[in-house]
Amino acid sequence: QQQNAPVAETNIDELVLQTKKMSRRQALELQKCEEILNKLVKYRFSWPFREPVTTEEAEDYFEVISSPMDFQTMQSKCSCGSYRSVQDFLSDMKQVFVNAEQYNQNGSYVLTCLEKTEQCLIDMIHKHLPGHTYMRRKRKRSLVQPGQEFGEADGDSDPEALEYTKGRRRRK
């Protein structure tokens, strides 16, 4: 048993060292996340995502969106150390874009801003956080072409599929 004790101590020391390295790496990665967020806030197409949506801007926003998120809220979370991992950060980032896609109609300028801002984010993740990936499921695009009736869309009259044609407008 005495022979096992030094091995166990060595393993514990190794584990402590790995944990320190891991937490140091994590801290650096979270710092990179904050830098990415600050660059995104300055990006010219990110204006729809910088601050929380208010009921003055969009009366029904909180009826449609159950988990609001924006860059200002994310900056606050970065400042107070709420993010424990890059994935926590990216999860909130996805929420910003999911909300915008869910609330705004196809073809709206906000969705154009979303595409450009999200691409900017992806480019920065590849550059500054090469060990991490960002993937988000995009919503299904409108199944009904302009001029078609609901039932004419590829012979598909599935009510679930048609649900995606009901875009929402953001009030100005």
N, C-alpha and C. Protein backbone atom coordinates (compact mmCIF):
# COMPACT_ATOMS: atom_id res chain seq x y z
N GLN A 1 0.82 -1.19 0.00
CA GLN A 1 0.00 0.00 0.00
C GLN A 1 0.86 1.25 0.00
N GLN A 2 2.05 1.20 0.61
CA GLN A 2 2.90 2.37 0.66
C GLN A 2 3.38 2.75 -0.74
N GLN A 3 3.54 1.76 -1.61
CA GLN A 3 3.98 2.04 -2.98
C GLN A 3 2.89 2.79 -3.75
N ASN A 4 1.64 2.50 -3.46
CA ASN A 4 0.54 3.15 -4.15
C ASN A 4 0.37 4.61 -3.74
N ALA A 5 0.71 4.94 -2.53
CA ALA A 5 0.51 6.31 -2.03
C ALA A 5 1.25 7.35 -2.88
N PRO A 6 2.56 7.17 -3.17
CA PRO A 6 3.23 8.19 -3.99
C PRO A 6 2.61 8.31 -5.38
N VAL A 7 2.16 7.21 -5.94
CA VAL A 7 1.53 7.25 -7.26
C VAL A 7 0.25 8.07 -7.19
N ALA A 8 -0.54 7.84 -6.16
CA ALA A 8 -1.78 8.59 -5.99
C ALA A 8 -1.50 10.07 -5.81
N GLU A 9 -0.47 10.41 -5.02
CA GLU A 9 -0.11 11.82 -4.84
C GLU A 9 0.32 12.44 -6.16
N THR A 10 1.08 11.69 -6.94
CA THR A 10 1.53 12.19 -8.24
C THR A 10 0.33 12.44 -9.15
N ASN A 11 -0.62 11.53 -9.14
CA ASN A 11 -1.82 11.70 -9.95
C ASN A 11 -2.61 12.93 -9.52
N ILE A 12 -2.70 13.15 -8.21
CA ILE A 12 -3.42 14.32 -7.70
C ILE A 12 -2.70 15.59 -8.12
N ASP A 13 -1.36 15.59 -7.98
CA ASP A 13 -0.58 16.76 -8.40
C ASP A 13 -0.78 17.05 -9.88
N GLU A 14 -0.77 15.98 -10.68
CA GLU A 14 -0.99 16.13 -12.12
C GLU A 14 -2.37 16.69 -12.41
N LEU A 15 -3.35 16.18 -11.69
CA LEU A 15 -4.73 16.63 -11.87
C LEU A 15 -4.87 18.10 -11.50
N VAL A 16 -4.26 18.51 -10.40
CA VAL A 16 -4.29 19.92 -9.98
C VAL A 16 -3.64 20.79 -11.04
N LEU A 17 -2.50 20.33 -11.56
CA LEU A 17 -1.79 21.08 -12.60
C LEU A 17 -2.65 21.20 -13.86
N GLN A 18 -3.29 20.10 -14.26
CA GLN A 18 -4.17 20.13 -15.44
C GLN A 18 -5.34 21.07 -15.22
N THR A 19 -5.91 21.05 -14.02
CA THR A 19 -7.05 21.92 -13.70
C THR A 19 -6.63 23.38 -13.77
N LYS A 20 -5.45 23.69 -13.26
CA LYS A 20 -4.96 25.07 -13.33
C LYS A 20 -4.77 25.50 -14.78
N LYS A 21 -4.18 24.60 -15.58
CA LYS A 21 -3.99 24.90 -17.00
C LYS A 21 -5.34 25.10 -17.68
N MET A 22 -6.27 24.22 -17.35
CA MET A 22 -7.61 24.27 -17.94
C MET A 22 -8.29 25.57 -17.57
N SER A 23 -8.25 25.94 -16.29
CA SER A 23 -8.94 27.16 -15.89
C SER A 23 -8.24 28.39 -16.46
N ARG A 24 -6.92 28.34 -16.62
CA ARG A 24 -6.19 29.44 -17.23
C ARG A 24 -6.61 29.57 -18.70
N ARG A 25 -6.68 28.40 -19.37
CA ARG A 25 -7.11 28.40 -20.78
C ARG A 25 -8.54 28.90 -20.89
N GLN A 26 -9.39 28.44 -19.98
CA GLN A 26 -10.80 28.86 -19.99
C GLN A 26 -10.92 30.36 -19.79
N ALA A 27 -10.13 30.90 -18.87
CA ALA A 27 -10.16 32.34 -18.61
C ALA A 27 -9.73 33.12 -19.86
N LEU A 28 -8.71 32.62 -20.54
CA LEU A 28 -8.25 33.28 -21.77
C LEU A 28 -9.31 33.20 -22.86
N GLU A 29 -9.96 32.04 -22.96
CA GLU A 29 -11.01 31.89 -23.96
C GLU A 29 -12.19 32.81 -23.67
N LEU A 30 -12.56 32.93 -22.41
CA LEU A 30 -13.67 33.81 -22.05
C LEU A 30 -13.30 35.28 -22.29
N GLN A 31 -12.04 35.59 -22.12
CA GLN A 31 -11.56 36.95 -22.44
C GLN A 31 -11.69 37.19 -23.94
N LYS A 32 -11.37 36.17 -24.74
CA LYS A 32 -11.53 36.26 -26.20
C LYS A 32 -13.01 36.45 -26.55
N CYS A 33 -13.88 35.75 -25.83
CA CYS A 33 -15.33 35.89 -26.07
C CYS A 33 -15.76 37.33 -25.86
N GLU A 34 -15.28 37.93 -24.78
CA GLU A 34 -15.63 39.31 -24.48
C GLU A 34 -15.11 40.26 -25.56
N GLU A 35 -13.90 39.99 -26.05
CA GLU A 35 -13.32 40.80 -27.13
C GLU A 35 -14.15 40.66 -28.40
N ILE A 36 -14.55 39.44 -28.71
CA ILE A 36 -15.40 39.19 -29.89
C ILE A 36 -16.71 39.96 -29.76
N LEU A 37 -17.32 39.89 -28.59
CA LEU A 37 -18.58 40.59 -28.35
C LEU A 37 -18.41 42.10 -28.53
N ASN A 38 -17.33 42.65 -27.98
CA ASN A 38 -17.09 44.09 -28.11
C ASN A 38 -16.89 44.50 -29.57
N LYS A 39 -16.23 43.64 -30.35
CA LYS A 39 -16.07 43.93 -31.78
C LYS A 39 -17.41 43.84 -32.51
N LEU A 40 -18.22 42.85 -32.12
CA LEU A 40 -19.55 42.71 -32.74
C LEU A 40 -20.43 43.93 -32.45
N VAL A 41 -20.34 44.45 -31.24
CA VAL A 41 -21.14 45.63 -30.87
C VAL A 41 -20.78 46.81 -31.78
N LYS A 42 -19.51 46.89 -32.16
CA LYS A 42 -19.06 48.00 -33.02
C LYS A 42 -19.35 47.74 -34.51
N TYR A 43 -19.66 46.51 -34.85
CA TYR A 43 -19.92 46.14 -36.24
C TYR A 43 -21.15 46.88 -36.75
N ARG A 44 -21.06 47.45 -37.93
CA ARG A 44 -22.11 48.35 -38.42
C ARG A 44 -23.48 47.70 -38.59
N PHE A 45 -23.54 46.40 -38.80
CA PHE A 45 -24.84 45.73 -39.01
C PHE A 45 -25.42 45.13 -37.73
N SER A 46 -24.76 45.34 -36.61
CA SER A 46 -25.23 44.71 -35.36
C SER A 46 -26.22 45.56 -34.58
N TRP A 47 -26.61 46.71 -35.12
CA TRP A 47 -27.48 47.62 -34.36
C TRP A 47 -28.78 46.99 -33.84
N PRO A 48 -29.41 46.03 -34.55
CA PRO A 48 -30.67 45.49 -33.98
C PRO A 48 -30.46 44.63 -32.73
N PHE A 49 -29.22 44.23 -32.47
CA PHE A 49 -28.95 43.26 -31.40
C PHE A 49 -28.21 43.86 -30.21
N ARG A 50 -27.93 45.15 -30.27
CA ARG A 50 -27.09 45.78 -29.24
C ARG A 50 -27.77 45.97 -27.90
N GLU A 51 -29.06 46.27 -27.90
CA GLU A 51 -29.78 46.56 -26.65
C GLU A 51 -31.04 45.71 -26.56
N PRO A 52 -31.56 45.55 -25.35
CA PRO A 52 -32.81 44.77 -25.21
C PRO A 52 -33.95 45.41 -26.01
N VAL A 53 -34.78 44.57 -26.60
CA VAL A 53 -35.97 45.06 -27.32
C VAL A 53 -36.96 45.56 -26.27
N THR A 54 -37.58 46.70 -26.54
CA THR A 54 -38.58 47.25 -25.61
C THR A 54 -39.98 47.09 -26.20
N THR A 55 -40.98 47.21 -25.35
CA THR A 55 -42.37 47.12 -25.83
C THR A 55 -42.72 48.33 -26.69
N GLU A 56 -41.98 49.43 -26.55
CA GLU A 56 -42.21 50.59 -27.42
C GLU A 56 -41.80 50.25 -28.86
N GLU A 57 -40.73 49.49 -29.01
CA GLU A 57 -40.27 49.08 -30.34
C GLU A 57 -41.17 47.99 -30.93
N ALA A 58 -41.54 47.04 -30.09
CA ALA A 58 -42.30 45.88 -30.56
C ALA A 58 -43.26 45.44 -29.45
N GLU A 59 -44.51 45.87 -29.58
CA GLU A 59 -45.53 45.62 -28.56
C GLU A 59 -45.65 44.15 -28.14
N ASP A 60 -45.65 43.27 -29.14
CA ASP A 60 -45.91 41.85 -28.87
C ASP A 60 -44.64 41.03 -28.71
N TYR A 61 -43.49 41.66 -28.63
CA TYR A 61 -42.21 40.94 -28.61
C TYR A 61 -42.16 39.87 -27.52
N PHE A 62 -42.57 40.21 -26.32
CA PHE A 62 -42.46 39.27 -25.20
C PHE A 62 -43.55 38.20 -25.21
N GLU A 63 -44.56 38.37 -26.07
CA GLU A 63 -45.55 37.32 -26.28
C GLU A 63 -44.98 36.27 -27.23
N VAL A 64 -44.12 36.72 -28.14
CA VAL A 64 -43.53 35.84 -29.15
C VAL A 64 -42.21 35.23 -28.66
N ILE A 65 -41.40 36.02 -27.99
CA ILE A 65 -40.06 35.61 -27.57
C ILE A 65 -40.05 35.32 -26.07
N SER A 66 -39.75 34.08 -25.72
CA SER A 66 -39.77 33.69 -24.30
C SER A 66 -38.42 33.88 -23.61
N SER A 67 -37.32 33.89 -24.37
CA SER A 67 -35.99 34.05 -23.77
C SER A 67 -35.23 35.19 -24.45
N PRO A 68 -35.56 36.43 -24.13
CA PRO A 68 -34.88 37.55 -24.79
C PRO A 68 -33.38 37.57 -24.46
N MET A 69 -32.58 38.01 -25.43
CA MET A 69 -31.14 38.14 -25.21
C MET A 69 -30.62 39.19 -26.19
N ASP A 70 -29.62 39.94 -25.78
CA ASP A 70 -29.04 40.99 -26.60
C ASP A 70 -27.58 41.18 -26.19
N PHE A 71 -26.83 41.95 -26.98
CA PHE A 71 -25.41 42.13 -26.73
C PHE A 71 -25.13 42.88 -25.43
N GLN A 72 -25.96 43.86 -25.08
CA GLN A 72 -25.75 44.62 -23.85
C GLN A 72 -25.87 43.69 -22.62
N THR A 73 -26.87 42.84 -22.64
CA THR A 73 -27.05 41.87 -21.55
C THR A 73 -25.86 40.92 -21.50
N MET A 74 -25.38 40.51 -22.66
CA MET A 74 -24.22 39.62 -22.72
C MET A 74 -22.96 40.31 -22.19
N GLN A 75 -22.81 41.59 -22.49
CA GLN A 75 -21.66 42.34 -21.97
C GLN A 75 -21.71 42.39 -20.44
N SER A 76 -22.90 42.59 -19.89
CA SER A 76 -23.05 42.58 -18.43
C SER A 76 -22.68 41.22 -17.85
N LYS A 77 -23.11 40.16 -18.52
CA LYS A 77 -22.79 38.81 -18.06
C LYS A 77 -21.28 38.55 -18.12
N CYS A 78 -20.62 39.09 -19.15
CA CYS A 78 -19.16 38.96 -19.25
C CYS A 78 -18.50 39.69 -18.09
N SER A 79 -18.95 40.91 -17.83
CA SER A 79 -18.35 41.75 -16.78
C SER A 79 -18.45 41.13 -15.39
N CYS A 80 -19.58 40.50 -15.11
CA CYS A 80 -19.75 39.94 -13.76
C CYS A 80 -19.36 38.46 -13.68
N GLY A 81 -18.78 37.92 -14.75
CA GLY A 81 -18.28 36.55 -14.72
C GLY A 81 -19.34 35.47 -14.75
N SER A 82 -20.49 35.77 -15.34
CA SER A 82 -21.57 34.78 -15.40
C SER A 82 -21.26 33.62 -16.34
N TYR A 83 -20.46 33.88 -17.37
CA TYR A 83 -20.13 32.81 -18.31
C TYR A 83 -19.03 31.93 -17.73
N ARG A 84 -19.28 30.63 -17.71
CA ARG A 84 -18.31 29.67 -17.19
C ARG A 84 -17.54 28.98 -18.31
N SER A 85 -18.08 29.06 -19.53
CA SER A 85 -17.42 28.41 -20.66
C SER A 85 -17.75 29.15 -21.95
N VAL A 86 -16.98 28.85 -22.98
CA VAL A 86 -17.23 29.41 -24.30
C VAL A 86 -18.62 28.98 -24.78
N GLN A 87 -18.99 27.74 -24.46
CA GLN A 87 -20.29 27.24 -24.89
C GLN A 87 -21.44 28.02 -24.26
N ASP A 88 -21.28 28.44 -23.00
CA ASP A 88 -22.30 29.29 -22.36
C ASP A 88 -22.47 30.59 -23.16
N PHE A 89 -21.34 31.17 -23.51
CA PHE A 89 -21.33 32.42 -24.28
C PHE A 89 -22.00 32.21 -25.65
N LEU A 90 -21.59 31.15 -26.35
CA LEU A 90 -22.14 30.89 -27.68
C LEU A 90 -23.62 30.55 -27.62
N SER A 91 -24.06 29.95 -26.54
CA SER A 91 -25.48 29.64 -26.36
C SER A 91 -26.30 30.93 -26.32
N ASP A 92 -25.83 31.93 -25.58
CA ASP A 92 -26.52 33.22 -25.55
C ASP A 92 -26.47 33.91 -26.91
N MET A 93 -25.34 33.79 -27.58
CA MET A 93 -25.19 34.40 -28.90
C MET A 93 -26.22 33.79 -29.87
N LYS A 94 -26.36 32.47 -29.83
CA LYS A 94 -27.36 31.80 -30.67
C LYS A 94 -28.76 32.30 -30.34
N GLN A 95 -29.02 32.50 -29.05
CA GLN A 95 -30.35 32.96 -28.62
C GLN A 95 -30.68 34.32 -29.23
N VAL A 96 -29.69 35.21 -29.30
CA VAL A 96 -29.90 36.53 -29.91
C VAL A 96 -30.40 36.35 -31.34
N PHE A 97 -29.73 35.47 -32.09
CA PHE A 97 -30.07 35.30 -33.51
C PHE A 97 -31.34 34.48 -33.71
N VAL A 98 -31.56 33.49 -32.88
CA VAL A 98 -32.81 32.71 -32.95
C VAL A 98 -34.00 33.62 -32.72
N ASN A 99 -33.90 34.49 -31.71
CA ASN A 99 -34.99 35.42 -31.41
C ASN A 99 -35.27 36.35 -32.59
N ALA A 100 -34.21 36.89 -33.18
CA ALA A 100 -34.38 37.81 -34.31
C ALA A 100 -35.04 37.09 -35.48
N GLU A 101 -34.61 35.87 -35.72
CA GLU A 101 -35.17 35.10 -36.83
C GLU A 101 -36.63 34.73 -36.55
N GLN A 102 -36.94 34.42 -35.31
CA GLN A 102 -38.31 34.03 -34.95
C GLN A 102 -39.26 35.22 -35.03
N TYR A 103 -38.81 36.39 -34.63
CA TYR A 103 -39.71 37.53 -34.53
C TYR A 103 -39.90 38.28 -35.85
N ASN A 104 -38.86 38.36 -36.65
CA ASN A 104 -38.91 39.20 -37.86
C ASN A 104 -39.30 38.41 -39.10
N GLN A 105 -39.96 39.11 -40.02
CA GLN A 105 -40.43 38.49 -41.26
C GLN A 105 -39.28 38.24 -42.23
N ASN A 106 -39.46 37.19 -43.07
CA ASN A 106 -38.50 36.94 -44.14
C ASN A 106 -38.35 38.20 -44.98
N GLY A 107 -37.13 38.50 -45.37
CA GLY A 107 -36.89 39.66 -46.22
C GLY A 107 -36.73 40.96 -45.45
N SER A 108 -36.89 40.93 -44.13
CA SER A 108 -36.75 42.18 -43.35
C SER A 108 -35.28 42.56 -43.24
N TYR A 109 -35.05 43.85 -43.04
CA TYR A 109 -33.68 44.34 -42.92
C TYR A 109 -32.99 43.77 -41.68
N VAL A 110 -33.74 43.50 -40.63
CA VAL A 110 -33.16 42.92 -39.42
C VAL A 110 -32.55 41.55 -39.74
N LEU A 111 -33.22 40.76 -40.58
CA LEU A 111 -32.68 39.45 -40.95
C LEU A 111 -31.43 39.58 -41.81
N THR A 112 -31.36 40.62 -42.63
CA THR A 112 -30.15 40.90 -43.40
C THR A 112 -29.01 41.21 -42.43
N CYS A 113 -29.29 42.04 -41.44
CA CYS A 113 -28.30 42.37 -40.41
C CYS A 113 -27.87 41.12 -39.64
N LEU A 114 -28.84 40.25 -39.36
CA LEU A 114 -28.55 38.99 -38.66
C LEU A 114 -27.53 38.18 -39.45
N GLU A 115 -27.77 37.98 -40.74
CA GLU A 115 -26.86 37.16 -41.56
C GLU A 115 -25.45 37.73 -41.56
N LYS A 116 -25.34 39.04 -41.72
CA LYS A 116 -24.02 39.67 -41.78
C LYS A 116 -23.32 39.64 -40.42
N THR A 117 -24.06 39.89 -39.36
CA THR A 117 -23.48 39.90 -38.01
C THR A 117 -23.07 38.48 -37.61
N GLU A 118 -23.91 37.51 -37.93
CA GLU A 118 -23.60 36.12 -37.59
C GLU A 118 -22.36 35.64 -38.35
N GLN A 119 -22.23 36.04 -39.61
CA GLN A 119 -21.06 35.66 -40.39
C GLN A 119 -19.80 36.29 -39.81
N CYS A 120 -19.91 37.53 -39.38
CA CYS A 120 -18.80 38.23 -38.72
C CYS A 120 -18.39 37.46 -37.46
N LEU A 121 -19.37 37.02 -36.68
CA LEU A 121 -19.11 36.22 -35.48
C LEU A 121 -18.37 34.93 -35.83
N ILE A 122 -18.85 34.22 -36.83
CA ILE A 122 -18.24 32.95 -37.24
C ILE A 122 -16.79 33.17 -37.64
N ASP A 123 -16.52 34.22 -38.41
CA ASP A 123 -15.15 34.53 -38.83
C ASP A 123 -14.25 34.78 -37.63
N MET A 124 -14.77 35.53 -36.64
CA MET A 124 -13.97 35.83 -35.45
C MET A 124 -13.74 34.59 -34.59
N ILE A 125 -14.73 33.71 -34.52
CA ILE A 125 -14.55 32.47 -33.76
C ILE A 125 -13.45 31.63 -34.39
N HIS A 126 -13.48 31.51 -35.73
CA HIS A 126 -12.43 30.74 -36.42
C HIS A 126 -11.05 31.33 -36.16
N LYS A 127 -10.98 32.65 -36.12
CA LYS A 127 -9.70 33.33 -35.94
C LYS A 127 -9.22 33.29 -34.48
N HIS A 128 -10.10 33.61 -33.54
CA HIS A 128 -9.69 33.79 -32.14
C HIS A 128 -9.95 32.59 -31.23
N LEU A 129 -10.88 31.73 -31.61
CA LEU A 129 -11.20 30.53 -30.82
C LEU A 129 -11.21 29.30 -31.73
N PRO A 130 -10.05 28.96 -32.30
CA PRO A 130 -10.01 27.90 -33.32
C PRO A 130 -10.48 26.53 -32.83
N GLY A 131 -10.45 26.27 -31.53
CA GLY A 131 -10.89 24.98 -31.01
C GLY A 131 -12.40 24.86 -30.85
N HIS A 132 -13.12 25.93 -31.16
CA HIS A 132 -14.57 25.94 -30.95
C HIS A 132 -15.31 26.16 -32.26
N THR A 133 -16.51 25.60 -32.32
CA THR A 133 -17.33 25.80 -33.51
C THR A 133 -18.65 26.44 -33.11
N TYR A 134 -19.21 27.18 -34.02
CA TYR A 134 -20.51 27.81 -33.82
C TYR A 134 -21.41 27.31 -34.93
N MET A 135 -22.48 26.64 -34.55
CA MET A 135 -23.47 26.20 -35.53
C MET A 135 -24.85 26.49 -34.97
N ARG A 136 -25.70 26.99 -35.83
CA ARG A 136 -27.06 27.29 -35.40
C ARG A 136 -28.00 26.79 -36.48
N ARG A 137 -29.05 26.13 -36.05
CA ARG A 137 -30.07 25.69 -37.00
C ARG A 137 -30.87 26.87 -37.46
N LYS A 138 -30.92 27.06 -38.75
CA LYS A 138 -31.71 28.16 -39.29
C LYS A 138 -33.15 27.68 -39.45
N ARG A 139 -34.09 28.62 -39.29
CA ARG A 139 -35.51 28.22 -39.42
C ARG A 139 -35.80 27.89 -40.87
N LYS A 140 -36.86 27.14 -41.05
CA LYS A 140 -37.30 26.82 -42.41
C LYS A 140 -37.80 28.09 -43.06
N ARG A 141 -37.43 28.30 -44.28
CA ARG A 141 -37.89 29.48 -45.01
C ARG A 141 -39.33 29.27 -45.44
N SER A 142 -39.96 30.34 -45.84
CA SER A 142 -41.36 30.30 -46.24
C SER A 142 -41.59 29.25 -47.32
N LEU A 143 -42.56 28.41 -47.10
CA LEU A 143 -42.88 27.37 -48.07
C LEU A 143 -43.83 27.87 -49.15
N VAL A 144 -44.44 29.00 -48.93
CA VAL A 144 -45.40 29.55 -49.88
C VAL A 144 -44.72 30.64 -50.70
N GLN A 145 -44.70 30.46 -52.00
CA GLN A 145 -44.11 31.46 -52.88
C GLN A 145 -45.09 32.61 -53.07
N PRO A 146 -44.60 33.81 -53.35
CA PRO A 146 -45.52 34.93 -53.59
C PRO A 146 -46.51 34.58 -54.70
N GLY A 147 -47.77 34.87 -54.47
CA GLY A 147 -48.80 34.58 -55.47
C GLY A 147 -49.46 33.22 -55.30
N GLN A 148 -48.89 32.36 -54.46
CA GLN A 148 -49.48 31.04 -54.23
C GLN A 148 -50.42 31.10 -53.04
N GLU A 149 -51.41 30.23 -53.07
CA GLU A 149 -52.28 30.08 -51.90
C GLU A 149 -51.61 29.09 -50.96
N PHE A 150 -52.03 29.06 -49.70
CA PHE A 150 -51.42 28.17 -48.73
C PHE A 150 -51.41 26.71 -49.19
N GLY A 151 -52.51 26.21 -49.72
CA GLY A 151 -52.60 24.81 -50.11
C GLY A 151 -51.81 24.45 -51.35
N GLU A 152 -51.34 25.42 -52.12
CA GLU A 152 -50.64 25.15 -53.37
C GLU A 152 -49.15 24.92 -53.19
N ALA A 153 -48.60 25.16 -52.04
CA ALA A 153 -47.15 25.06 -51.83
C ALA A 153 -46.70 23.61 -51.91
N ASP A 154 -46.19 23.20 -53.06
CA ASP A 154 -45.68 21.85 -53.29
C ASP A 154 -46.68 20.77 -52.88
N GLY A 155 -47.97 21.07 -52.97
CA GLY A 155 -49.00 20.13 -52.59
C GLY A 155 -49.00 19.82 -51.09
N ASP A 156 -48.35 20.64 -50.33
CA ASP A 156 -48.19 20.39 -48.90
C ASP A 156 -49.17 21.25 -48.12
N SER A 157 -50.07 20.62 -47.42
CA SER A 157 -51.01 21.41 -46.62
C SER A 157 -50.83 21.13 -45.13
N ASP A 158 -49.64 20.70 -44.76
CA ASP A 158 -49.31 20.42 -43.37
C ASP A 158 -49.35 21.72 -42.56
N PRO A 159 -50.25 21.82 -41.56
CA PRO A 159 -50.36 23.07 -40.79
C PRO A 159 -49.06 23.44 -40.07
N GLU A 160 -48.28 22.43 -39.67
CA GLU A 160 -47.00 22.72 -39.00
C GLU A 160 -46.04 23.41 -39.97
N ALA A 161 -46.02 22.95 -41.21
CA ALA A 161 -45.14 23.56 -42.21
C ALA A 161 -45.59 24.98 -42.53
N LEU A 162 -46.89 25.19 -42.58
CA LEU A 162 -47.40 26.52 -42.92
C LEU A 162 -47.17 27.53 -41.81
N GLU A 163 -46.94 27.03 -40.62
CA GLU A 163 -46.70 27.91 -39.49
C GLU A 163 -45.54 28.87 -39.77
N TYR A 164 -44.57 28.43 -40.55
CA TYR A 164 -43.39 29.25 -40.83
C TYR A 164 -43.67 30.40 -41.79
N THR A 165 -44.84 30.41 -42.40
CA THR A 165 -45.16 31.49 -43.34
C THR A 165 -45.71 32.71 -42.62
N LYS A 166 -46.04 32.56 -41.35
CA LYS A 166 -46.62 33.68 -40.60
C LYS A 166 -45.52 34.55 -40.02
N GLY A 167 -44.84 35.34 -40.82
CA GLY A 167 -43.78 36.19 -40.30
C GLY A 167 -44.34 37.24 -39.36
N ARG A 168 -43.52 37.75 -38.49
CA ARG A 168 -43.92 38.81 -37.57
C ARG A 168 -43.22 40.09 -37.99
N ARG A 169 -43.89 41.19 -37.79
CA ARG A 169 -43.30 42.48 -38.13
C ARG A 169 -42.80 43.17 -36.89
N ARG A 170 -41.67 43.79 -37.00
CA ARG A 170 -41.14 44.58 -35.89
C ARG A 170 -41.67 45.99 -36.02
N ARG A 171 -42.30 46.49 -34.97
CA ARG A 171 -42.85 47.85 -35.00
C ARG A 171 -41.75 48.88 -34.97
N LYS A 172 -41.94 49.94 -35.72
CA LYS A 172 -40.93 51.00 -35.72
C LYS A 172 -41.34 52.13 -34.83
